Amino acid sequence: MRRPVSALAVLCASVIASAALAQAPPNSNYTAVEATSARPVQLGYYASAHKTTCAPAPIPTIRIVEAPKSGTLMVRRALLATDKIVGCPNLKTPAQVVFYQAHAGAAGSDHVVYEVKDFEGRAEIYDVTINIKEAPEPPSVPEKQKI
């Protein structure tokens, strides 16, 4: 014998399905870089602009999803100047630049995941594998030669 489905169960199921459709998963970007503890490596820069008016848009927000274990993730503000937006020559807009710095003496592999969300709420996930190489030895200064 079939049991009748209550109206509340149908309503809850449709609300849950609607919520799942409304919150599409963010796009993911995978990459790998090499780093040393000698200097930071740039992982990416992120900016927004209104393509119709060529005006800067609010700066994207960056959130660390998975922090690195053998280094530090740094986010710095910058001014991006570009000619790559069609119809917007010499566009200058605020940007966020993401850097990774390996800890002194670190070697091997590290991993970081961060999210970039633009002013319209679109999010992208960046999944970065970092191959940490040994930092080169600083050049030795020869002792003064006696004349």
C-alpha atoms as a PDB file:
ATOM      1  CA  MET A   1       0.000   0.000   0.000  1.00  0.00           C
ATOM      2  CA  ARG A   2       1.384   3.415  -0.957  1.00  0.00           C
ATOM      3  CA  ARG A   3       1.635   6.062   1.704  1.00  0.00           C
ATOM      4  CA  PRO A   4       0.689   9.639   0.835  1.00  0.00           C
ATOM      5  CA  VAL A   5       3.567  12.111   0.867  1.00  0.00           C
ATOM      6  CA  SER A   6       2.911  15.079   3.087  1.00  0.00           C
ATOM      7  CA  ALA A   7       2.913  18.549   1.560  1.00  0.00           C
ATOM      8  CA  LEU A   8       5.596  19.656   4.045  1.00  0.00           C
ATOM      9  CA  ALA A   9       8.018  16.942   2.868  1.00  0.00           C
ATOM     10  CA  VAL A  10       7.533  17.969  -0.768  1.00  0.00           C
ATOM     11  CA  LEU A  11       8.016  21.648   0.132  1.00  0.00           C
ATOM     12  CA  CYS A  12      11.205  20.907   2.125  1.00  0.00           C
ATOM     13  CA  ALA A  13      12.602  18.768  -0.679  1.00  0.00           C
ATOM     14  CA  SER A  14      11.969  21.465  -3.271  1.00  0.00           C
ATOM     15  CA  VAL A  15      13.502  24.194  -1.038  1.00  0.00           C
ATOM     16  CA  ILE A  16      16.619  22.070  -0.493  1.00  0.00           C
ATOM     17  CA  ALA A  17      16.905  21.346  -4.231  1.00  0.00           C
ATOM     18  CA  SER A  18      16.472  25.047  -5.052  1.00  0.00           C
ATOM     19  CA  ALA A  19      19.133  26.038  -2.528  1.00  0.00           C
ATOM     20  CA  ALA A  20      21.548  23.480  -3.973  1.00  0.00           C
ATOM     21  CA  LEU A  21      20.968  24.792  -7.500  1.00  0.00           C
ATOM     22  CA  ALA A  22      21.319  28.408  -6.405  1.00  0.00           C
ATOM     23  CA  GLN A  23      24.721  27.783  -4.824  1.00  0.00           C
ATOM     24  CA  ALA A  24      26.750  26.345  -7.662  1.00  0.00           C
ATOM     25  CA  PRO A  25      30.213  25.201  -6.601  1.00  0.00           C
ATOM     26  CA  PRO A  26      32.975  27.678  -7.364  1.00  0.00           C
ATOM     27  CA  ASN A  27      35.300  27.056 -10.290  1.00  0.00           C
ATOM     28  CA  SER A  28      38.584  25.373  -9.394  1.00  0.00           C
ATOM     29  CA  ASN A  29      41.995  26.165 -10.821  1.00  0.00           C
ATOM     30  CA  TYR A  30      44.923  23.807 -10.266  1.00  0.00           C
ATOM     31  CA  THR A  31      48.552  24.766 -10.718  1.00  0.00           C
ATOM     32  CA  ALA A  32      52.048  23.929  -9.516  1.00  0.00           C
ATOM     33  CA  VAL A  33      54.951  26.297  -8.847  1.00  0.00           C
ATOM     34  CA  GLU A  34      58.537  26.108  -7.638  1.00  0.00           C
ATOM     35  CA  ALA A  35      59.709  28.161  -4.665  1.00  0.00           C
ATOM     36  CA  THR A  36      62.680  28.664  -2.372  1.00  0.00           C
ATOM     37  CA  SER A  37      63.018  30.347   0.984  1.00  0.00           C
ATOM     38  CA  ALA A  38      65.232  32.985  -0.654  1.00  0.00           C
ATOM     39  CA  ARG A  39      62.318  35.060  -1.982  1.00  0.00           C
ATOM     40  CA  PRO A  40      58.534  35.003  -2.369  1.00  0.00           C
ATOM     41  CA  VAL A  41      56.930  33.622  -5.519  1.00  0.00           C
ATOM     42  CA  GLN A  42      53.832  35.285  -6.995  1.00  0.00           C
ATOM     43  CA  LEU A  43      50.892  32.887  -7.287  1.00  0.00           C
ATOM     44  CA  GLY A  44      48.476  35.306  -8.933  1.00  0.00           C
ATOM     45  CA  TYR A  45      46.956  38.774  -9.098  1.00  0.00           C
ATOM     46  CA  TYR A  46      43.252  39.506  -8.993  1.00  0.00           C
ATOM     47  CA  ALA A  47      41.352  42.634  -9.986  1.00  0.00           C
ATOM     48  CA  SER A  48      37.912  43.630 -11.238  1.00  0.00           C
ATOM     49  CA  ALA A  49      36.690  46.285 -13.648  1.00  0.00           C
ATOM     50  CA  HIS A  50      33.403  47.264 -15.230  1.00  0.00           C
ATOM     51  CA  LYS A  51      33.887  46.400 -18.908  1.00  0.00           C
ATOM     52  CA  THR A  52      31.139  48.766 -20.092  1.00  0.00           C
ATOM     53  CA  THR A  53      32.502  51.869 -18.348  1.00  0.00           C
ATOM     54  CA  CYS A  54      36.181  50.864 -17.971  1.00  0.00           C
ATOM     55  CA  ALA A  55      35.946  51.922 -14.325  1.00  0.00           C
ATOM     56  CA  PRO A  56      37.600  49.994 -11.495  1.00  0.00           C
ATOM     57  CA  ALA A  57      35.240  47.685  -9.600  1.00  0.00           C
ATOM     58  CA  PRO A  58      35.535  46.831  -5.904  1.00  0.00           C
ATOM     59  CA  ILE A  59      38.649  44.813  -5.147  1.00  0.00           C
ATOM     60  CA  PRO A  60      38.193  41.011  -4.965  1.00  0.00           C
ATOM     61  CA  THR A  61      38.320  39.345  -1.556  1.00  0.00           C
ATOM     62  CA  ILE A  62      40.708  36.495  -0.860  1.00  0.00           C
ATOM     63  CA  ARG A  63      40.093  33.804   1.737  1.00  0.00           C
ATOM     64  CA  ILE A  64      42.548  31.054   2.658  1.00  0.00           C
ATOM     65  CA  VAL A  65      40.790  27.679   2.519  1.00  0.00           C
ATOM     66  CA  GLU A  66      43.835  25.507   3.298  1.00  0.00           C
ATOM     67  CA  ALA A  67      46.940  27.212   4.713  1.00  0.00           C
ATOM     68  CA  PRO A  68      50.423  26.078   3.682  1.00  0.00           C
ATOM     69  CA  LYS A  69      52.404  24.039   6.212  1.00  0.00           C
ATOM     70  CA  SER A  70      55.969  24.825   5.100  1.00  0.00           C
ATOM     71  CA  GLY A  71      55.578  28.481   4.221  1.00  0.00           C
ATOM     72  CA  THR A  72      53.476  31.616   4.423  1.00  0.00           C
ATOM     73  CA  LEU A  73      50.772  32.926   2.102  1.00  0.00           C
ATOM     74  CA  MET A  74      50.766  36.717   1.771  1.00  0.00           C
ATOM     75  CA  VAL A  75      48.172  38.964   0.143  1.00  0.00           C
ATOM     76  CA  ARG A  76      49.302  42.452  -0.867  1.00  0.00           C
ATOM     77  CA  ARG A  77      47.452  45.306  -2.497  1.00  0.00           C
ATOM     78  CA  ALA A  78      48.710  46.711  -5.790  1.00  0.00           C
ATOM     79  CA  LEU A  79      47.627  48.806  -8.733  1.00  0.00           C
ATOM     80  CA  LEU A  80      47.126  46.815 -11.921  1.00  0.00           C
ATOM     81  CA  ALA A  81      47.718  48.618 -15.210  1.00  0.00           C
ATOM     82  CA  THR A  82      46.641  46.685 -18.296  1.00  0.00           C
ATOM     83  CA  ASP A  83      45.744  47.009 -21.970  1.00  0.00           C
ATOM     84  CA  LYS A  84      44.271  43.484 -22.131  1.00  0.00           C
ATOM     85  CA  ILE A  85      40.622  44.513 -21.656  1.00  0.00           C
ATOM     86  CA  VAL A  86      39.141  45.178 -25.104  1.00  0.00           C
ATOM     87  CA  GLY A  87      37.871  48.742 -25.315  1.00  0.00           C
ATOM     88  CA  CYS A  88      39.597  49.793 -22.083  1.00  0.00           C
ATOM     89  CA  PRO A  89      43.111  50.977 -22.977  1.00  0.00           C
ATOM     90  CA  ASN A  90      45.397  51.964 -20.103  1.00  0.00           C
ATOM     91  CA  LEU A  91      43.019  50.574 -17.473  1.00  0.00           C
ATOM     92  CA  LYS A  92      44.281  51.025 -13.909  1.00  0.00           C
ATOM     93  CA  THR A  93      42.467  49.243 -11.107  1.00  0.00           C
ATOM     94  CA  PRO A  94      43.244  48.119  -7.540  1.00  0.00           C
ATOM     95  CA  ALA A  95      44.322  44.491  -7.262  1.00  0.00           C
ATOM     96  CA  GLN A  96      45.163  41.812  -4.727  1.00  0.00           C
ATOM     97  CA  VAL A  97      48.435  39.920  -5.322  1.00  0.00           C
ATOM     98  CA  VAL A  98      49.008  36.515  -3.686  1.00  0.00           C
ATOM     99  CA  PHE A  99      52.562  35.425  -2.797  1.00  0.00           C
ATOM    100  CA  TYR A 100      53.990  32.271  -1.229  1.00  0.00           C
ATOM    101  CA  GLN A 101      57.191  32.363   0.866  1.00  0.00           C
ATOM    102  CA  ALA A 102      58.788  29.077   1.977  1.00  0.00           C
ATOM    103  CA  HIS A 103      60.126  28.915   5.542  1.00  0.00           C
ATOM    104  CA  ALA A 104      63.927  28.924   5.914  1.00  0.00           C
ATOM    105  CA  GLY A 105      65.266  25.387   5.604  1.00  0.00           C
ATOM    106  CA  ALA A 106      62.033  24.030   4.106  1.00  0.00           C
ATOM    107  CA  ALA A 107      62.284  21.526   1.267  1.00  0.00           C
ATOM    108  CA  GLY A 108      59.901  19.134  -0.443  1.00  0.00           C
ATOM    109  CA  SER A 109      56.269  19.774  -1.230  1.00  0.00           C
ATOM    110  CA  ASP A 110      53.692  22.192   0.171  1.00  0.00           C
ATOM    111  CA  HIS A 111      50.076  22.860  -0.722  1.00  0.00           C
ATOM    112  CA  VAL A 112      47.713  25.823  -0.439  1.00  0.00           C
ATOM    113  CA  VAL A 113      44.082  26.437  -1.412  1.00  0.00           C
ATOM    114  CA  TYR A 114      42.519  29.894  -1.515  1.00  0.00           C
ATOM    115  CA  GLU A 115      39.285  31.418  -2.772  1.00  0.00           C
ATOM    116  CA  VAL A 116      38.929  34.639  -4.768  1.00  0.00           C
ATOM    117  CA  LYS A 117      35.488  36.255  -4.777  1.00  0.00           C
ATOM    118  CA  ASP A 118      34.683  39.170  -7.101  1.00  0.00           C
ATOM    119  CA  PHE A 119      32.361  42.089  -6.435  1.00  0.00           C
ATOM    120  CA  GLU A 120      29.423  40.211  -7.959  1.00  0.00           C
ATOM    121  CA  GLY A 121      29.890  37.261  -5.590  1.00  0.00           C
ATOM    122  CA  ARG A 122      31.398  34.847  -8.134  1.00  0.00           C
ATOM    123  CA  ALA A 123      34.019  32.661  -6.477  1.00  0.00           C
ATOM    124  CA  GLU A 124      36.945  30.703  -7.855  1.00  0.00           C
ATOM    125  CA  ILE A 125      39.111  28.257  -5.932  1.00  0.00           C
ATOM    126  CA  TYR A 126      42.866  28.167  -6.539  1.00  0.00           C
ATOM    127  CA  ASP A 127      44.578  24.897  -5.589  1.00  0.00           C
ATOM    128  CA  VAL A 128      48.370  25.259  -5.703  1.00  0.00           C
ATOM    129  CA  THR A 129      51.034  22.613  -5.206  1.00  0.00           C
ATOM    130  CA  ILE A 130      54.418  24.108  -4.329  1.00  0.00           C
ATOM    131  CA  ASN A 131      57.703  22.307  -4.963  1.00  0.00           C
ATOM    132  CA  ILE A 132      60.181  23.825  -2.483  1.00  0.00           C
ATOM    133  CA  LYS A 133      63.768  23.722  -3.647  1.00  0.00           C
ATOM    134  CA  GLU A 134      66.774  24.396  -1.455  1.00  0.00           C
ATOM    135  CA  ALA A 135      67.696  28.061  -1.407  1.00  0.00           C
ATOM    136  CA  PRO A 136      70.953  28.770  -3.225  1.00  0.00           C
ATOM    137  CA  GLU A 137      73.907  29.608  -1.060  1.00  0.00           C
ATOM    138  CA  PRO A 138      74.731  33.307  -1.076  1.00  0.00           C
ATOM    139  CA  PRO A 139      77.945  34.012  -2.976  1.00  0.00           C
ATOM    140  CA  SER A 140      80.968  33.996  -0.723  1.00  0.00           C
ATOM    141  CA  VAL A 141      83.013  37.149  -0.516  1.00  0.00           C
ATOM    142  CA  PRO A 142      86.681  36.440  -1.086  1.00  0.00           C
ATOM    143  CA  GLU A 143      88.994  37.545   1.681  1.00  0.00           C
ATOM    144  CA  LYS A 144      91.104  40.556   0.893  1.00  0.00           C
ATOM    145  CA  GLN A 145      94.283  39.541  -0.758  1.00  0.00           C
ATOM    146  CA  LYS A 146      97.516  40.823   0.687  1.00  0.00           C
ATOM    147  CA  ILE A 147      99.647  42.738  -1.718  1.00  0.00           C
END
